[in-house]
PDB file of N, CA and C in Angstrom:
ATOM      1  N   MET A   1      -4.884-104.531  -4.544  1.00  0.00           N
ATOM      2  CA  MET A   1      -6.110-105.199  -5.878  1.00  0.00           C
ATOM      3  C   MET A   1      -5.142-106.449  -6.521  1.00  0.00           C
ATOM      4  N   MET A   2      -5.718-107.256  -6.880  1.00  0.00           N
ATOM      5  CA  MET A   2      -5.047-108.763  -7.623  1.00  0.00           C
ATOM      6  C   MET A   2      -4.594-108.222  -8.576  1.00  0.00           C
ATOM      7  N   SER A   3      -3.354-109.485  -8.934  1.00  0.00           N
ATOM      8  CA  SER A   3      -2.411-109.165  -9.979  1.00  0.00           C
ATOM      9  C   SER A   3      -3.264-109.486 -11.468  1.00  0.00           C
ATOM     10  N   LYS A   4      -3.238-108.950 -12.709  1.00  0.00           N
ATOM     11  CA  LYS A   4      -3.996-109.707 -13.901  1.00  0.00           C
ATOM     12  C   LYS A   4      -3.623-110.788 -14.107  1.00  0.00           C
ATOM     13  N   ASP A   5      -2.859-111.747 -13.505  1.00  0.00           N
ATOM     14  CA  ASP A   5      -2.778-112.822 -14.297  1.00  0.00           C
ATOM     15  C   ASP A   5      -3.660-114.090 -13.618  1.00  0.00           C
ATOM     16  N   ARG A   6      -4.379-113.676 -12.608  1.00  0.00           N
ATOM     17  CA  ARG A   6      -5.359-114.184 -12.038  1.00  0.00           C
ATOM     18  C   ARG A   6      -6.576-114.367 -12.746  1.00  0.00           C
ATOM     19  N   PRO A   7      -7.915-115.448 -12.864  1.00  0.00           N
ATOM     20  CA  PRO A   7      -8.879-115.454 -13.410  1.00  0.00           C
ATOM     21  C   PRO A   7      -9.770-114.029 -13.365  1.00  0.00           C
ATOM     22  N   GLN A   8     -10.874-113.975 -14.472  1.00  0.00           N
ATOM     23  CA  GLN A   8     -11.407-112.880 -14.131  1.00  0.00           C
ATOM     24  C   GLN A   8     -12.614-112.994 -13.076  1.00  0.00           C
ATOM     25  N   ASP A   9     -12.868-114.544 -13.424  1.00  0.00           N
ATOM     26  CA  ASP A   9     -14.099-114.484 -11.985  1.00  0.00           C
ATOM     27  C   ASP A   9     -13.738-114.405 -10.523  1.00  0.00           C
ATOM     28  N   LEU A  10     -12.213-114.513 -10.765  1.00  0.00           N
ATOM     29  CA  LEU A  10     -11.698-114.664  -9.340  1.00  0.00           C
ATOM     30  C   LEU A  10     -11.612-113.191  -8.510  1.00  0.00           C
ATOM     31  N   ARG A  11     -11.333-112.346  -9.867  1.00  0.00           N
ATOM     32  CA  ARG A  11     -11.191-111.203  -9.289  1.00  0.00           C
ATOM     33  C   ARG A  11     -12.319-110.254  -9.399  1.00  0.00           C
ATOM     34  N   ASP A  12     -13.207-110.753 -10.059  1.00  0.00           N
ATOM     35  CA  ASP A  12     -14.764-110.317  -9.548  1.00  0.00           C
ATOM     36  C   ASP A  12     -15.356-110.612  -8.335  1.00  0.00           C
ATOM     37  N   ILE A  13     -14.883-111.750  -7.855  1.00  0.00           N
ATOM     38  CA  ILE A  13     -15.360-112.194  -6.210  1.00  0.00           C
ATOM     39  C   ILE A  13     -14.838-111.525  -5.117  1.00  0.00           C
ATOM     40  N   VAL A  14     -13.250-111.240  -5.425  1.00  0.00           N
ATOM     41  CA  VAL A  14     -12.289-110.292  -4.177  1.00  0.00           C
ATOM     42  C   VAL A  14     -13.218-109.179  -4.528  1.00  0.00           C
ATOM     43  N   GLU A  15     -13.317-108.277  -5.879  1.00  0.00           N
ATOM     44  CA  GLU A  15     -13.946-107.251  -5.650  1.00  0.00           C
ATOM     45  C   GLU A  15     -14.961-107.147  -4.818  1.00  0.00           C
ATOM     46  N   ARG A  16     -16.179-108.176  -4.596  1.00  0.00           N
ATOM     47  CA  ARG A  16     -17.796-107.987  -4.840  1.00  0.00           C
ATOM     48  C   ARG A  16     -17.508-107.944  -3.059  1.00  0.00           C
ATOM     49  N   MET A  17     -16.190-108.867  -2.793  1.00  0.00           N
ATOM     50  CA  MET A  17     -16.481-108.859  -1.360  1.00  0.00           C
ATOM     51  C   MET A  17     -15.283-107.707  -0.749  1.00  0.00           C
ATOM     52  N   GLU A  18     -14.432-106.683  -1.201  1.00  0.00           N
ATOM     53  CA  GLU A  18     -14.354-105.888  -0.775  1.00  0.00           C
ATOM     54  C   GLU A  18     -15.100-104.849  -0.653  1.00  0.00           C
ATOM     55  N   GLN A  19     -16.363-104.302  -1.669  1.00  0.00           N
ATOM     56  CA  GLN A  19     -17.140-103.600  -1.566  1.00  0.00           C
ATOM     57  C   GLN A  19     -18.216-103.933  -0.479  1.00  0.00           C
ATOM     58  N   ARG A  20     -18.622-105.370  -0.103  1.00  0.00           N
ATOM     59  CA  ARG A  20     -19.405-105.349   0.630  1.00  0.00           C
ATOM     60  C   ARG A  20     -19.868-104.429   2.085  1.00  0.00           C
ATOM     61  N   PRO A  21     -21.056-104.333   2.122  1.00  0.00           N
ATOM     62  CA  PRO A  21     -21.747-103.555   3.442  1.00  0.00           C
ATOM     63  C   PRO A  21     -21.100-103.559   4.569  1.00  0.00           C
ATOM     64  N   SER A  22     -20.806-102.319   5.230  1.00  0.00           N
ATOM     65  CA  SER A  22     -20.656-102.746   6.622  1.00  0.00           C
ATOM     66  C   SER A  22     -21.004-103.042   7.458  1.00  0.00           C
ATOM     67  N   ASN A  23     -22.850-102.674   7.281  1.00  0.00           N
ATOM     68  CA  ASN A  23     -23.834-102.967   8.182  1.00  0.00           C
ATOM     69  C   ASN A  23     -24.155-104.504   7.964  1.00  0.00           C
ATOM     70  N   PRO A  24     -24.365-105.256   8.890  1.00  0.00           N
ATOM     71  CA  PRO A  24     -24.548-107.019   8.729  1.00  0.00           C
ATOM     72  C   PRO A  24     -25.659-107.199   8.424  1.00  0.00           C
ATOM     73  N   VAL A  25     -27.086-106.187   8.884  1.00  0.00           N
ATOM     74  CA  VAL A  25     -28.344-106.508   8.162  1.00  0.00           C
ATOM     75  C   VAL A  25     -28.509-106.442   7.072  1.00  0.00           C
ATOM     76  N   ARG A  26     -27.410-105.131   6.278  1.00  0.00           N
ATOM     77  CA  ARG A  26     -27.844-105.174   5.073  1.00  0.00           C
ATOM     78  C   ARG A  26     -26.948-106.182   4.347  1.00  0.00           C
ATOM     79  N   ARG A  27     -26.093-106.758   4.575  1.00  0.00           N
ATOM     80  CA  ARG A  27     -25.310-107.660   4.177  1.00  0.00           C
ATOM     81  C   ARG A  27     -26.109-109.141   4.281  1.00  0.00           C
ATOM     82  N   ALA A  28     -26.925-109.232   5.473  1.00  0.00           N
ATOM     83  CA  ALA A  28     -27.793-110.276   5.638  1.00  0.00           C
ATOM     84  C   ALA A  28     -29.347-110.224   4.327  1.00  0.00           C
ATOM     85  N   ARG A  29     -29.471-109.014   4.412  1.00  0.00           N
ATOM     86  CA  ARG A  29     -30.417-108.774   3.047  1.00  0.00           C
ATOM     87  C   ARG A  29     -30.074-109.007   1.974  1.00  0.00           C
ATOM     88  N   LEU A  30     -29.228-108.873   1.567  1.00  0.00           N
ATOM     89  CA  LEU A  30     -28.420-109.509   0.081  1.00  0.00           C
ATOM     90  C   LEU A  30     -28.489-110.981   0.073  1.00  0.00           C
ATOM     91  N   MET A  31     -28.052-111.557   0.831  1.00  0.00           N
ATOM     92  CA  MET A  31     -27.865-112.791   0.939  1.00  0.00           C
ATOM     93  C   MET A  31     -29.474-113.419   0.860  1.00  0.00           C
ATOM     94  N   VAL A  32     -30.318-112.681   1.826  1.00  0.00           N
ATOM     95  CA  VAL A  32     -31.688-113.508   1.566  1.00  0.00           C
ATOM     96  C   VAL A  32     -32.265-113.025   0.374  1.00  0.00           C
ATOM     97  N   GLU A  33     -32.205-111.834  -0.332  1.00  0.00           N
ATOM     98  CA  GLU A  33     -32.780-111.535  -1.116  1.00  0.00           C
ATOM     99  C   GLU A  33     -32.263-112.212  -2.528  1.00  0.00           C
ATOM    100  N   GLN A  34     -31.167-113.246  -1.964  1.00  0.00           N
ATOM    101  CA  GLN A  34     -30.659-114.387  -3.444  1.00  0.00           C
ATOM    102  C   GLN A  34     -31.566-115.069  -3.513  1.00  0.00           C
ATOM    103  N   GLU A  35     -32.108-115.797  -2.792  1.00  0.00           N
ATOM    104  CA  GLU A  35     -32.540-116.830  -1.945  1.00  0.00           C
ATOM    105  C   GLU A  35     -34.214-116.459  -2.119  1.00  0.00           C
ATOM    106  N   VAL A  36     -34.724-115.553  -1.990  1.00  0.00           N
ATOM    107  CA  VAL A  36     -36.080-115.159  -2.126  1.00  0.00           C
ATOM    108  C   VAL A  36     -36.733-114.450  -3.317  1.00  0.00           C
ATOM    109  N   PRO A  37     -37.289-114.805  -4.130  1.00  0.00           N
ATOM    110  CA  PRO A  37     -37.680-114.173  -5.076  1.00  0.00           C
ATOM    111  C   PRO A  37     -38.891-112.736  -5.128  1.00  0.00           C
ATOM    112  N   PRO A  38     -38.566-112.107  -5.776  1.00  0.00           N
ATOM    113  CA  PRO A  38     -39.404-110.963  -5.598  1.00  0.00           C
ATOM    114  C   PRO A  38     -40.950-111.272  -5.096  1.00  0.00           C
ATOM    115  N   ALA A  39     -41.111-112.228  -5.795  1.00  0.00           N
ATOM    116  CA  ALA A  39     -42.396-112.979  -6.123  1.00  0.00           C
ATOM    117  C   ALA A  39     -42.977-113.193  -4.563  1.00  0.00           C
ATOM    118  N   ARG A  40     -42.200-113.551  -4.032  1.00  0.00           N
ATOM    119  CA  ARG A  40     -42.951-113.966  -2.469  1.00  0.00           C
ATOM    120  C   ARG A  40     -42.603-113.273  -1.550  1.00  0.00           C
ATOM    121  N   ARG A  41     -41.921-112.051  -1.888  1.00  0.00           N
ATOM    122  CA  ARG A  41     -41.913-111.101  -0.722  1.00  0.00           C
ATOM    123  C   ARG A  41     -43.115-110.246  -0.479  1.00  0.00           C
ATOM    124  N   GLY A  42     -43.073-110.282   0.729  1.00  0.00           N
ATOM    125  CA  GLY A  42     -44.446-109.429   1.046  1.00  0.00           C
ATOM    126  C   GLY A  42     -43.973-108.006   0.430  1.00  0.00           C
ATOM    127  N   PRO A  43     -45.747-107.095   0.902  1.00  0.00           N
ATOM    128  CA  PRO A  43     -45.497-105.461   0.956  1.00  0.00           C
ATOM    129  C   PRO A  43     -45.107-104.907   2.028  1.00  0.00           C
ATOM    130  N   GLY A  44     -44.567-105.603   3.076  1.00  0.00           N
ATOM    131  CA  GLY A  44     -43.006-104.668   3.944  1.00  0.00           C
ATOM    132  C   GLY A  44     -41.922-105.238   3.859  1.00  0.00           C
ATOM    133  N   TRP A  45     -41.864-105.718   2.721  1.00  0.00           N
ATOM    134  CA  TRP A  45     -40.381-106.533   2.690  1.00  0.00           C
ATOM    135  C   TRP A  45     -39.285-105.523   2.649  1.00  0.00           C
ATOM    136  N   ASP A  46     -39.043-104.385   2.172  1.00  0.00           N
ATOM    137  CA  ASP A  46     -38.342-103.519   1.697  1.00  0.00           C
ATOM    138  C   ASP A  46     -38.005-102.465   3.573  1.00  0.00           C
ATOM    139  N   ARG A  47     -39.647-102.459   3.877  1.00  0.00           N
ATOM    140  CA  ARG A  47     -39.653-101.262   5.203  1.00  0.00           C
ATOM    141  C   ARG A  47     -39.094-101.760   6.040  1.00  0.00           C
ATOM    142  N   HIS A  48     -39.070-103.485   6.380  1.00  0.00           N
ATOM    143  CA  HIS A  48     -38.760-104.124   7.338  1.00  0.00           C
ATOM    144  C   HIS A  48     -37.301-103.708   7.253  1.00  0.00           C
ATOM    145  N   TRP A  49     -37.051-104.542   6.352  1.00  0.00           N
ATOM    146  CA  TRP A  49     -35.171-104.503   5.950  1.00  0.00           C
ATOM    147  C   TRP A  49     -34.347-103.141   6.360  1.00  0.00           C
ATOM    148  N   ARG A  50     -35.100-101.822   6.037  1.00  0.00           N
ATOM    149  CA  ARG A  50     -34.611-100.707   6.069  1.00  0.00           C
ATOM    150  C   ARG A  50     -34.653-100.230   7.247  1.00  0.00           C
ATOM    151  N   GLU A  51     -35.530-100.561   7.912  1.00  0.00           N
ATOM    152  CA  GLU A  51     -35.819-100.573   9.683  1.00  0.00           C
ATOM    153  C   GLU A  51     -34.471-101.243  10.764  1.00  0.00           C
ATOM    154  N   LEU A  52     -34.396-102.052  10.659  1.00  0.00           N
ATOM    155  CA  LEU A  52     -33.195-103.167  10.806  1.00  0.00           C
ATOM    156  C   LEU A  52     -32.161-102.950  10.566  1.00  0.00           C
ATOM    157  N   GLU A  53     -31.679-101.971   9.101  1.00  0.00           N
ATOM    158  CA  GLU A  53     -30.562-101.306   8.925  1.00  0.00           C
ATOM    159  C   GLU A  53     -30.163-100.136   9.755  1.00  0.00           C
ATOM    160  N   ALA A  54     -31.176 -99.253   9.756  1.00  0.00           N
ATOM    161  CA  ALA A  54     -31.404 -98.479  10.498  1.00  0.00           C
ATOM    162  C   ALA A  54     -31.018 -98.301  11.632  1.00  0.00           C
ATOM    163  N   TYR A  55     -31.204 -99.301  12.698  1.00  0.00           N
ATOM    164  CA  TYR A  55     -30.984 -99.569  13.988  1.00  0.00           C
ATOM    165  C   TYR A  55     -29.559 -99.419  14.233  1.00  0.00           C
ATOM    166  N   LEU A  56     -29.019-100.050  13.328  1.00  0.00           N
ATOM    167  CA  LEU A  56     -27.473-100.323  13.342  1.00  0.00           C
ATOM    168  C   LEU A  56     -27.128 -99.365  12.978  1.00  0.00           C
ATOM    169  N   ASP A  57     -27.403 -98.375  11.723  1.00  0.00           N
ATOM    170  CA  ASP A  57     -26.503 -97.559  11.562  1.00  0.00           C
ATOM    171  C   ASP A  57     -26.668 -96.499  12.873  1.00  0.00           C
ATOM    172  N   GLU A  58     -27.900 -96.025  12.961  1.00  0.00           N
ATOM    173  CA  GLU A  58     -27.623 -94.968  14.060  1.00  0.00           C
ATOM    174  C   GLU A  58     -27.194 -95.487  15.510  1.00  0.00           C
ATOM    175  N   GLY A  59     -26.723 -96.605  15.882  1.00  0.00           N
ATOM    176  CA  GLY A  59     -26.301 -97.208  17.107  1.00  0.00           C
ATOM    177  C   GLY A  59     -27.221 -97.049  18.052  1.00  0.00           C
ATOM    178  N   VAL A  60     -28.592 -97.384  17.649  1.00  0.00           N
ATOM    179  CA  VAL A  60     -29.922 -97.382  18.662  1.00  0.00           C
ATOM    180  C   VAL A  60     -29.208 -98.604  19.916  1.00  0.00           C
ATOM    181  N   THR A  61     -29.454 -98.331  20.896  1.00  0.00           N
ATOM    182  CA  THR A  61     -29.723 -98.577  22.217  1.00  0.00           C
ATOM    183  C   THR A  61     -30.713 -99.218  22.906  1.00  0.00           C
ATOM    184  N   TRP A  62     -31.206-100.718  22.753  1.00  0.00           N
ATOM    185  CA  TRP A  62     -32.351-100.929  23.668  1.00  0.00           C
ATOM    186  C   TRP A  62     -32.586-101.081  24.718  1.00  0.00           C
ATOM    187  N   ARG A  63     -33.495-100.506  25.392  1.00  0.00           N
ATOM    188  CA  ARG A  63     -33.534-100.265  26.463  1.00  0.00           C
ATOM    189  C   ARG A  63     -35.017-100.962  27.493  1.00  0.00           C
ATOM    190  N   MET A  64     -35.270-101.760  28.256  1.00  0.00           N
ATOM    191  CA  MET A  64     -36.593-101.794  28.500  1.00  0.00           C
ATOM    192  C   MET A  64     -37.004-100.930  29.786  1.00  0.00           C
ATOM    193  N   PRO A  65     -38.627-101.339  29.629  1.00  0.00           N
ATOM    194  CA  PRO A  65     -39.205-100.015  30.515  1.00  0.00           C
ATOM    195  C   PRO A  65     -39.123-100.163  32.087  1.00  0.00           C
ATOM    196  N   GLN A  66     -38.950 -99.852  32.729  1.00  0.00           N
ATOM    197  CA  GLN A  66     -38.496 -99.823  34.243  1.00  0.00           C
ATOM    198  C   GLN A  66     -39.939-100.926  34.524  1.00  0.00           C
ATOM    199  N   GLY A  67     -38.900-101.929  35.574  1.00  0.00           N
ATOM    200  CA  GLY A  67     -40.102-103.095  35.956  1.00  0.00           C
ATOM    201  C   GLY A  67     -39.903-103.853  35.153  1.00  0.00           C
ATOM    202  N   LEU A  68     -39.829-103.935  33.800  1.00  0.00           N
ATOM    203  CA  LEU A  68     -39.157-105.680  33.504  1.00  0.00           C
ATOM    204  C   LEU A  68     -37.680-105.765  33.032  1.00  0.00           C
ATOM    205  N   ASP A  69     -37.871-106.909  32.995  1.00  0.00           N
ATOM    206  CA  ASP A  69     -36.229-108.125  32.350  1.00  0.00           C
ATOM    207  C   ASP A  69     -36.052-108.599  31.589  1.00  0.00           C
ATOM    208  N   ASP A  70     -35.267-109.702  30.988  1.00  0.00           N
ATOM    209  CA  ASP A  70     -35.047-110.458  30.408  1.00  0.00           C
ATOM    210  C   ASP A  70     -35.508-111.710  30.671  1.00  0.00           C
ATOM    211  N   SER A  71     -35.735-112.094  32.115  1.00  0.00           N
ATOM    212  CA  SER A  71     -35.891-113.198  32.732  1.00  0.00           C
ATOM    213  C   SER A  71     -37.171-113.753  32.271  1.00  0.00           C
ATOM    214  N   PRO A  72     -37.305-114.943  32.102  1.00  0.00           N
ATOM    215  CA  PRO A  72     -38.456-115.393  31.848  1.00  0.00           C
ATOM    216  C   PRO A  72     -39.035-115.536  32.887  1.00  0.00           C
ATOM    217  N   ALA A  73     -40.512-115.362  32.708  1.00  0.00           N
ATOM    218  CA  ALA A  73     -41.500-115.445  33.741  1.00  0.00           C
ATOM    219  C   ALA A  73     -41.551-116.891  34.337  1.00  0.00           C
ATOM    220  N   GLU A  74     -42.598-116.997  35.220  1.00  0.00           N
ATOM    221  CA  GLU A  74     -42.865-118.531  35.866  1.00  0.00           C
ATOM    222  C   GLU A  74     -43.325-119.069  34.936  1.00  0.00           C
ATOM    223  N   ALA A  75     -44.500-118.643  34.392  1.00  0.00           N
ATOM    224  CA  ALA A  75     -45.446-119.517  33.148  1.00  0.00           C
ATOM    225  C   ALA A  75     -44.588-120.036  32.884  1.00  0.00           C
ATOM    226  N   ASP A  76     -43.687-119.447  32.136  1.00  0.00           N
ATOM    227  CA  ASP A  76     -42.601-120.087  31.184  1.00  0.00           C
ATOM    228  C   ASP A  76     -41.653-121.016  31.376  1.00  0.00           C
ATOM    229  N   LYS A  77     -41.326-120.614  32.603  1.00  0.00           N
ATOM    230  CA  LYS A  77     -40.145-122.167  32.842  1.00  0.00           C
ATOM    231  C   LYS A  77     -40.758-123.593  33.162  1.00  0.00           C
ATOM    232  N   LYS A  78     -42.032-123.132  33.826  1.00  0.00           N
ATOM    233  CA  LYS A  78     -42.943-124.200  33.843  1.00  0.00           C
ATOM    234  C   LYS A  78     -43.440-125.115  32.542  1.00  0.00           C
ATOM    235  N   ARG A  79     -42.871-123.933  31.780  1.00  0.00           N
ATOM    236  CA  ARG A  79     -43.538-124.909  30.077  1.00  0.00           C
ATOM    237  C   ARG A  79     -41.945-125.364  29.303  1.00  0.00           C
ATOM    238  N   ALA A  80     -41.071-124.830  30.407  1.00  0.00           N
ATOM    239  CA  ALA A  80     -39.486-125.280  29.849  1.00  0.00           C
ATOM    240  C   ALA A  80     -39.810-127.073  29.389  1.00  0.00           C
ATOM    241  N   ASP A  81     -38.919-127.527  28.303  1.00  0.00           N
ATOM    242  CA  ASP A  81     -38.780-128.733  27.840  1.00  0.00           C
ATOM    243  C   ASP A  81     -38.208-129.311  28.633  1.00  0.00           C
ATOM    244  N   PRO A  82     -38.364-130.653  29.755  1.00  0.00           N
ATOM    245  CA  PRO A  82     -37.705-130.829  30.679  1.00  0.00           C
ATOM    246  C   PRO A  82     -35.943-132.094  30.001  1.00  0.00           C
ATOM    247  N   LYS A  83     -36.283-132.253  28.811  1.00  0.00           N
ATOM    248  CA  LYS A  83     -35.133-132.722  28.174  1.00  0.00           C
ATOM    249  C   LYS A  83     -33.958-131.814  27.667  1.00  0.00           C
ATOM    250  N   THR A  84     -34.645-130.359  27.578  1.00  0.00           N
ATOM    251  CA  THR A  84     -33.710-129.645  26.976  1.00  0.00           C
ATOM    252  C   THR A  84     -33.672-128.225  27.921  1.00  0.00           C
ATOM    253  N   SER A  85     -34.035-128.357  29.196  1.00  0.00           N
ATOM    254  CA  SER A  85     -33.718-127.323  30.135  1.00  0.00           C
ATOM    255  C   SER A  85     -32.915-127.577  30.895  1.00  0.00           C
ATOM    256  N   PRO A  86     -32.043-126.471  31.115  1.00  0.00           N
ATOM    257  CA  PRO A  86     -30.657-126.701  32.163  1.00  0.00           C
ATOM    258  C   PRO A  86     -31.175-127.076  33.137  1.00  0.00           C
ATOM    259  N   GLU A  87     -32.076-126.724  33.908  1.00  0.00           N
ATOM    260  CA  GLU A  87     -32.401-127.433  35.333  1.00  0.00           C
ATOM    261  C   GLU A  87     -32.328-128.781  35.743  1.00  0.00           C
ATOM    262  N   SER A  88     -32.667-129.151  34.293  1.00  0.00           N
ATOM    263  CA  SER A  88     -32.788-130.759  34.149  1.00  0.00           C
ATOM    264  C   SER A  88     -31.419-131.685  34.453  1.00  0.00           C
ATOM    265  N   PHE A  89     -30.154-130.984  34.386  1.00  0.00           N
ATOM    266  CA  PHE A  89     -29.299-131.536  33.950  1.00  0.00           C
ATOM    267  C   PHE A  89     -28.749-131.524  35.323  1.00  0.00           C
TER     268      PHE A  89
END
């Protein structure tokens, strides 16, 4: 912990940093909630964040159903922006 000769506000900041949640989704929620007032949060706000937090807390592993993969479909490739598409370089 910090010595008592440092300003109180600095000690408060360090204490808050030491207490920050280990779950990155929980940390993100705290940051977002500082910017979004309660009046602008929708009815599913809390449930959304709790579900995301739970995925990390429980160590969920995402698996693709058999026969599916992450590669873009041919139709998606055709819609790619030629200026930013890696194939155009």
